Amino acid sequence: MWTGPDPLTLGRDNADLDTVDQADRREAPALSAVVRAATATDANLVLTEPGATGHRDGIGALLRYSY
């Protein structure tokens, strides 16, 4: 994934960040980028054994909601 300076700026590829005009972009493993974003929002993480979900990059779901 690609990330910007804000932990919540994520994209599957570099072009995904073109719409938010982030000059400081970095490529990172998907799991690292998602965990970084989740911790920035005080989200809860549920970890499973490697390969248990069969999902790409080990990520099954990323759910968000407001109170």
PDB file of N, CA and C in Angstrom:
ATOM      1  N   MET A   1       0.844  -1.157   0.000  1.00  0.00           N
ATOM      2  CA  MET A   1       0.000   0.000   0.000  1.00  0.00           C
ATOM      3  C   MET A   1       0.896   1.229   0.000  1.00  0.00           C
ATOM      4  N   TRP A   2       0.253   2.360  -0.317  1.00  0.00           N
ATOM      5  CA  TRP A   2       0.942   3.647  -0.278  1.00  0.00           C
ATOM      6  C   TRP A   2       0.320   4.485   0.824  1.00  0.00           C
ATOM      7  N   THR A   3       1.163   5.186   1.564  1.00  0.00           N
ATOM      8  CA  THR A   3       0.687   6.017   2.657  1.00  0.00           C
ATOM      9  C   THR A   3       1.201   7.435   2.499  1.00  0.00           C
ATOM     10  N   GLY A   4       0.466   8.364   3.064  1.00  0.00           N
ATOM     11  CA  GLY A   4       0.895   9.756   3.114  1.00  0.00           C
ATOM     12  C   GLY A   4       1.347  10.080   4.518  1.00  0.00           C
ATOM     13  N   PRO A   5       1.669  11.345   4.780  1.00  0.00           N
ATOM     14  CA  PRO A   5       2.120  11.716   6.121  1.00  0.00           C
ATOM     15  C   PRO A   5       1.031  11.529   7.178  1.00  0.00           C
ATOM     16  N   ASP A   6      -0.220  11.650   6.793  1.00  0.00           N
ATOM     17  CA  ASP A   6      -1.341  11.390   7.699  1.00  0.00           C
ATOM     18  C   ASP A   6      -1.590   9.888   7.686  1.00  0.00           C
ATOM     19  N   PRO A   7      -1.652   9.220   8.840  1.00  0.00           N
ATOM     20  CA  PRO A   7      -1.858   7.777   8.877  1.00  0.00           C
ATOM     21  C   PRO A   7      -3.137   7.314   8.175  1.00  0.00           C
ATOM     22  N   LEU A   8      -4.105   8.197   8.019  1.00  0.00           N
ATOM     23  CA  LEU A   8      -5.366   7.806   7.399  1.00  0.00           C
ATOM     24  C   LEU A   8      -5.362   7.976   5.883  1.00  0.00           C
ATOM     25  N   THR A   9      -4.275   8.449   5.330  1.00  0.00           N
ATOM     26  CA  THR A   9      -4.155   8.582   3.879  1.00  0.00           C
ATOM     27  C   THR A   9      -3.533   7.305   3.350  1.00  0.00           C
ATOM     28  N   LEU A  10      -4.370   6.450   2.749  1.00  0.00           N
ATOM     29  CA  LEU A  10      -3.941   5.148   2.251  1.00  0.00           C
ATOM     30  C   LEU A  10      -4.372   4.967   0.806  1.00  0.00           C
ATOM     31  N   GLY A  11      -3.588   4.220   0.058  1.00  0.00           N
ATOM     32  CA  GLY A  11      -3.958   3.872  -1.306  1.00  0.00           C
ATOM     33  C   GLY A  11      -3.364   2.537  -1.681  1.00  0.00           C
ATOM     34  N   ARG A  12      -4.043   1.813  -2.548  1.00  0.00           N
ATOM     35  CA  ARG A  12      -3.515   0.518  -3.000  1.00  0.00           C
ATOM     36  C   ARG A  12      -2.313   0.707  -3.911  1.00  0.00           C
ATOM     37  N   ASP A  13      -2.271   1.838  -4.622  1.00  0.00           N
ATOM     38  CA  ASP A  13      -1.099   2.154  -5.426  1.00  0.00           C
ATOM     39  C   ASP A  13      -0.836   3.656  -5.358  1.00  0.00           C
ATOM     40  N   ASN A  14       0.281   4.075  -5.871  1.00  0.00           N
ATOM     41  CA  ASN A  14       0.703   5.465  -5.788  1.00  0.00           C
ATOM     42  C   ASN A  14      -0.319   6.410  -6.401  1.00  0.00           C
ATOM     43  N   ALA A  15      -0.946   6.009  -7.497  1.00  0.00           N
ATOM     44  CA  ALA A  15      -1.927   6.865  -8.176  1.00  0.00           C
ATOM     45  C   ALA A  15      -3.154   7.139  -7.311  1.00  0.00           C
ATOM     46  N   ASP A  16      -3.477   6.241  -6.374  1.00  0.00           N
ATOM     47  CA  ASP A  16      -4.622   6.464  -5.493  1.00  0.00           C
ATOM     48  C   ASP A  16      -4.462   7.723  -4.653  1.00  0.00           C
ATOM     49  N   LEU A  17      -3.238   8.135  -4.405  1.00  0.00           N
ATOM     50  CA  LEU A  17      -3.001   9.316  -3.584  1.00  0.00           C
ATOM     51  C   LEU A  17      -2.977  10.603  -4.405  1.00  0.00           C
ATOM     52  N   ASP A  18      -3.096  10.507  -5.726  1.00  0.00           N
ATOM     53  CA  ASP A  18      -3.090  11.704  -6.567  1.00  0.00           C
ATOM     54  C   ASP A  18      -4.240  12.644  -6.250  1.00  0.00           C
ATOM     55  N   THR A  19      -5.374  12.119  -5.856  1.00  0.00           N
ATOM     56  CA  THR A  19      -6.534  12.964  -5.590  1.00  0.00           C
ATOM     57  C   THR A  19      -6.413  13.748  -4.287  1.00  0.00           C
ATOM     58  N   VAL A  20      -5.530  13.334  -3.404  1.00  0.00           N
ATOM     59  CA  VAL A  20      -5.351  14.062  -2.151  1.00  0.00           C
ATOM     60  C   VAL A  20      -4.043  14.851  -2.128  1.00  0.00           C
ATOM     61  N   ASP A  21      -3.320  14.826  -3.250  1.00  0.00           N
ATOM     62  CA  ASP A  21      -2.124  15.641  -3.436  1.00  0.00           C
ATOM     63  C   ASP A  21      -1.131  15.508  -2.289  1.00  0.00           C
ATOM     64  N   GLN A  22      -0.746  14.294  -1.999  1.00  0.00           N
ATOM     65  CA  GLN A  22       0.240  14.052  -0.949  1.00  0.00           C
ATOM     66  C   GLN A  22       1.633  13.957  -1.573  1.00  0.00           C
ATOM     67  N   ALA A  23       2.488  14.890  -1.239  1.00  0.00           N
ATOM     68  CA  ALA A  23       3.841  14.891  -1.785  1.00  0.00           C
ATOM     69  C   ALA A  23       4.739  13.866  -1.092  1.00  0.00           C
ATOM     70  N   ASP A  24       4.528  13.646   0.194  1.00  0.00           N
ATOM     71  CA  ASP A  24       5.351  12.739   0.985  1.00  0.00           C
ATOM     72  C   ASP A  24       4.697  11.364   1.021  1.00  0.00           C
ATOM     73  N   ARG A  25       4.926  10.564  -0.013  1.00  0.00           N
ATOM     74  CA  ARG A  25       4.310   9.234  -0.124  1.00  0.00           C
ATOM     75  C   ARG A  25       5.344   8.160   0.132  1.00  0.00           C
ATOM     76  N   ARG A  26       4.887   7.090   0.741  1.00  0.00           N
ATOM     77  CA  ARG A  26       5.776   5.965   0.996  1.00  0.00           C
ATOM     78  C   ARG A  26       5.041   4.666   0.750  1.00  0.00           C
ATOM     79  N   GLU A  27       5.758   3.705   0.215  1.00  0.00           N
ATOM     80  CA  GLU A  27       5.187   2.376   0.029  1.00  0.00           C
ATOM     81  C   GLU A  27       5.442   1.578   1.302  1.00  0.00           C
ATOM     82  N   ALA A  28       4.434   0.835   1.731  1.00  0.00           N
ATOM     83  CA  ALA A  28       4.539   0.039   2.956  1.00  0.00           C
ATOM     84  C   ALA A  28       3.738  -1.243   2.788  1.00  0.00           C
ATOM     85  N   PRO A  29       4.102  -2.290   3.519  1.00  0.00           N
ATOM     86  CA  PRO A  29       3.284  -3.504   3.510  1.00  0.00           C
ATOM     87  C   PRO A  29       1.862  -3.164   3.973  1.00  0.00           C
ATOM     88  N   ALA A  30       0.881  -3.804   3.385  1.00  0.00           N
ATOM     89  CA  ALA A  30      -0.524  -3.507   3.701  1.00  0.00           C
ATOM     90  C   ALA A  30      -0.809  -3.630   5.194  1.00  0.00           C
ATOM     91  N   LEU A  31      -0.323  -4.672   5.810  1.00  0.00           N
ATOM     92  CA  LEU A  31      -0.606  -4.870   7.229  1.00  0.00           C
ATOM     93  C   LEU A  31      -0.053  -3.715   8.066  1.00  0.00           C
ATOM     94  N   SER A  32       1.143  -3.276   7.771  1.00  0.00           N
ATOM     95  CA  SER A  32       1.737  -2.154   8.499  1.00  0.00           C
ATOM     96  C   SER A  32       0.938  -0.869   8.312  1.00  0.00           C
ATOM     97  N   ALA A  33       0.519  -0.603   7.074  1.00  0.00           N
ATOM     98  CA  ALA A  33      -0.244   0.616   6.792  1.00  0.00           C
ATOM     99  C   ALA A  33      -1.598   0.605   7.493  1.00  0.00           C
ATOM    100  N   VAL A  34      -2.276  -0.530   7.491  1.00  0.00           N
ATOM    101  CA  VAL A  34      -3.589  -0.619   8.122  1.00  0.00           C
ATOM    102  C   VAL A  34      -3.474  -0.538   9.648  1.00  0.00           C
ATOM    103  N   VAL A  35      -2.479  -1.189  10.219  1.00  0.00           N
ATOM    104  CA  VAL A  35      -2.289  -1.104  11.672  1.00  0.00           C
ATOM    105  C   VAL A  35      -1.959   0.338  12.062  1.00  0.00           C
ATOM    106  N   ARG A  36      -1.139   1.018  11.279  1.00  0.00           N
ATOM    107  CA  ARG A  36      -0.820   2.428  11.552  1.00  0.00           C
ATOM    108  C   ARG A  36      -2.084   3.283  11.542  1.00  0.00           C
ATOM    109  N   ALA A  37      -2.935   3.079  10.546  1.00  0.00           N
ATOM    110  CA  ALA A  37      -4.189   3.839  10.457  1.00  0.00           C
ATOM    111  C   ALA A  37      -5.119   3.487  11.616  1.00  0.00           C
ATOM    112  N   ALA A  38      -5.201   2.218  11.950  1.00  0.00           N
ATOM    113  CA  ALA A  38      -6.098   1.792  13.033  1.00  0.00           C
ATOM    114  C   ALA A  38      -5.680   2.379  14.374  1.00  0.00           C
ATOM    115  N   THR A  39      -4.393   2.379  14.649  1.00  0.00           N
ATOM    116  CA  THR A  39      -3.944   2.918  15.933  1.00  0.00           C
ATOM    117  C   THR A  39      -4.128   4.433  16.001  1.00  0.00           C
ATOM    118  N   ALA A  40      -4.100   5.098  14.863  1.00  0.00           N
ATOM    119  CA  ALA A  40      -4.311   6.546  14.844  1.00  0.00           C
ATOM    120  C   ALA A  40      -5.760   6.912  15.158  1.00  0.00           C
ATOM    121  N   THR A  41      -6.664   5.949  15.034  1.00  0.00           N
ATOM    122  CA  THR A  41      -8.080   6.205  15.291  1.00  0.00           C
ATOM    123  C   THR A  41      -8.584   5.491  16.536  1.00  0.00           C
ATOM    124  N   ASP A  42      -7.679   4.939  17.329  1.00  0.00           N
ATOM    125  CA  ASP A  42      -8.046   4.187  18.534  1.00  0.00           C
ATOM    126  C   ASP A  42      -8.932   2.991  18.221  1.00  0.00           C
ATOM    127  N   ALA A  43      -8.757   2.404  17.058  1.00  0.00           N
ATOM    128  CA  ALA A  43      -9.548   1.232  16.666  1.00  0.00           C
ATOM    129  C   ALA A  43      -9.081  -0.002  17.433  1.00  0.00           C
ATOM    130  N   ASN A  44      -9.930  -0.998  17.471  1.00  0.00           N
ATOM    131  CA  ASN A  44      -9.571  -2.298  18.037  1.00  0.00           C
ATOM    132  C   ASN A  44      -9.082  -3.191  16.916  1.00  0.00           C
ATOM    133  N   LEU A  45      -8.056  -3.968  17.200  1.00  0.00           N
ATOM    134  CA  LEU A  45      -7.531  -4.918  16.228  1.00  0.00           C
ATOM    135  C   LEU A  45      -7.762  -6.324  16.737  1.00  0.00           C
ATOM    136  N   VAL A  46      -8.133  -7.211  15.839  1.00  0.00           N
ATOM    137  CA  VAL A  46      -8.279  -8.619  16.181  1.00  0.00           C
ATOM    138  C   VAL A  46      -7.299  -9.384  15.300  1.00  0.00           C
ATOM    139  N   LEU A  47      -6.334 -10.027  15.919  1.00  0.00           N
ATOM    140  CA  LEU A  47      -5.317 -10.768  15.181  1.00  0.00           C
ATOM    141  C   LEU A  47      -5.668 -12.241  15.149  1.00  0.00           C
ATOM    142  N   THR A  48      -5.366 -12.879  14.030  1.00  0.00           N
ATOM    143  CA  THR A  48      -5.601 -14.315  13.882  1.00  0.00           C
ATOM    144  C   THR A  48      -4.284 -14.988  13.531  1.00  0.00           C
ATOM    145  N   GLU A  49      -4.280 -16.289  13.554  1.00  0.00           N
ATOM    146  CA  GLU A  49      -3.090 -17.044  13.165  1.00  0.00           C
ATOM    147  C   GLU A  49      -2.799 -16.789  11.685  1.00  0.00           C
ATOM    148  N   PRO A  50      -1.525 -16.733  11.309  1.00  0.00           N
ATOM    149  CA  PRO A  50      -1.177 -16.546   9.893  1.00  0.00           C
ATOM    150  C   PRO A  50      -1.848 -17.596   9.014  1.00  0.00           C
ATOM    151  N   GLY A  51      -2.465 -17.138   7.938  1.00  0.00           N
ATOM    152  CA  GLY A  51      -3.126 -18.038   6.997  1.00  0.00           C
ATOM    153  C   GLY A  51      -4.517 -18.481   7.416  1.00  0.00           C
ATOM    154  N   ALA A  52      -4.984 -18.099   8.588  1.00  0.00           N
ATOM    155  CA  ALA A  52      -6.281 -18.561   9.086  1.00  0.00           C
ATOM    156  C   ALA A  52      -7.453 -17.978   8.297  1.00  0.00           C
ATOM    157  N   THR A  53      -7.302 -16.783   7.776  1.00  0.00           N
ATOM    158  CA  THR A  53      -8.424 -16.153   7.072  1.00  0.00           C
ATOM    159  C   THR A  53      -8.401 -16.412   5.576  1.00  0.00           C
ATOM    160  N   GLY A  54      -7.225 -16.624   5.004  1.00  0.00           N
ATOM    161  CA  GLY A  54      -7.107 -16.830   3.570  1.00  0.00           C
ATOM    162  C   GLY A  54      -7.271 -15.549   2.764  1.00  0.00           C
ATOM    163  N   HIS A  55      -7.332 -14.412   3.433  1.00  0.00           N
ATOM    164  CA  HIS A  55      -7.514 -13.140   2.726  1.00  0.00           C
ATOM    165  C   HIS A  55      -6.165 -12.586   2.283  1.00  0.00           C
ATOM    166  N   ARG A  56      -6.205 -11.805   1.231  1.00  0.00           N
ATOM    167  CA  ARG A  56      -4.998 -11.167   0.712  1.00  0.00           C
ATOM    168  C   ARG A  56      -4.382 -10.281   1.786  1.00  0.00           C
ATOM    169  N   ASP A  57      -3.105 -10.354   1.935  1.00  0.00           N
ATOM    170  CA  ASP A  57      -2.343  -9.575   2.908  1.00  0.00           C
ATOM    171  C   ASP A  57      -2.791  -9.822   4.342  1.00  0.00           C
ATOM    172  N   GLY A  58      -3.588 -10.858   4.578  1.00  0.00           N
ATOM    173  CA  GLY A  58      -4.002 -11.185   5.931  1.00  0.00           C
ATOM    174  C   GLY A  58      -5.044 -10.266   6.533  1.00  0.00           C
ATOM    175  N   ILE A  59      -5.669  -9.427   5.727  1.00  0.00           N
ATOM    176  CA  ILE A  59      -6.661  -8.480   6.234  1.00  0.00           C
ATOM    177  C   ILE A  59      -8.047  -8.958   5.814  1.00  0.00           C
ATOM    178  N   GLY A  60      -8.904  -9.242   6.808  1.00  0.00           N
ATOM    179  CA  GLY A  60     -10.239  -9.739   6.513  1.00  0.00           C
ATOM    180  C   GLY A  60     -11.269  -8.636   6.384  1.00  0.00           C
ATOM    181  N   ALA A  61     -11.171  -7.624   7.228  1.00  0.00           N
ATOM    182  CA  ALA A  61     -12.149  -6.532   7.192  1.00  0.00           C
ATOM    183  C   ALA A  61     -11.590  -5.324   7.922  1.00  0.00           C
ATOM    184  N   LEU A  62     -11.978  -4.197   7.446  1.00  0.00           N
ATOM    185  CA  LEU A  62     -11.657  -2.941   8.115  1.00  0.00           C
ATOM    186  C   LEU A  62     -12.973  -2.192   8.219  1.00  0.00           C
ATOM    187  N   LEU A  63     -13.510  -2.126   9.440  1.00  0.00           N
ATOM    188  CA  LEU A  63     -14.827  -1.539   9.643  1.00  0.00           C
ATOM    189  C   LEU A  63     -14.700  -0.242  10.425  1.00  0.00           C
ATOM    190  N   ARG A  64     -15.478   0.750  10.039  1.00  0.00           N
ATOM    191  CA  ARG A  64     -15.466   2.042  10.735  1.00  0.00           C
ATOM    192  C   ARG A  64     -16.891   2.475  11.009  1.00  0.00           C
ATOM    193  N   TYR A  65     -17.078   3.124  12.122  1.00  0.00           N
ATOM    194  CA  TYR A  65     -18.378   3.694  12.424  1.00  0.00           C
ATOM    195  C   TYR A  65     -18.201   4.831  13.410  1.00  0.00           C
ATOM    196  N   SER A  66     -19.171   5.696  13.486  1.00  0.00           N
ATOM    197  CA  SER A  66     -19.141   6.825  14.421  1.00  0.00           C
ATOM    198  C   SER A  66     -20.117   6.547  15.553  1.00  0.00           C
ATOM    199  N   TYR A  67     -19.830   7.105  16.697  1.00  0.00           N
ATOM    200  CA  TYR A  67     -20.751   6.972  17.829  1.00  0.00           C
ATOM    201  C   TYR A  67     -21.906   7.902  17.675  1.00  0.00           C
TER     202      TYR A  67
END
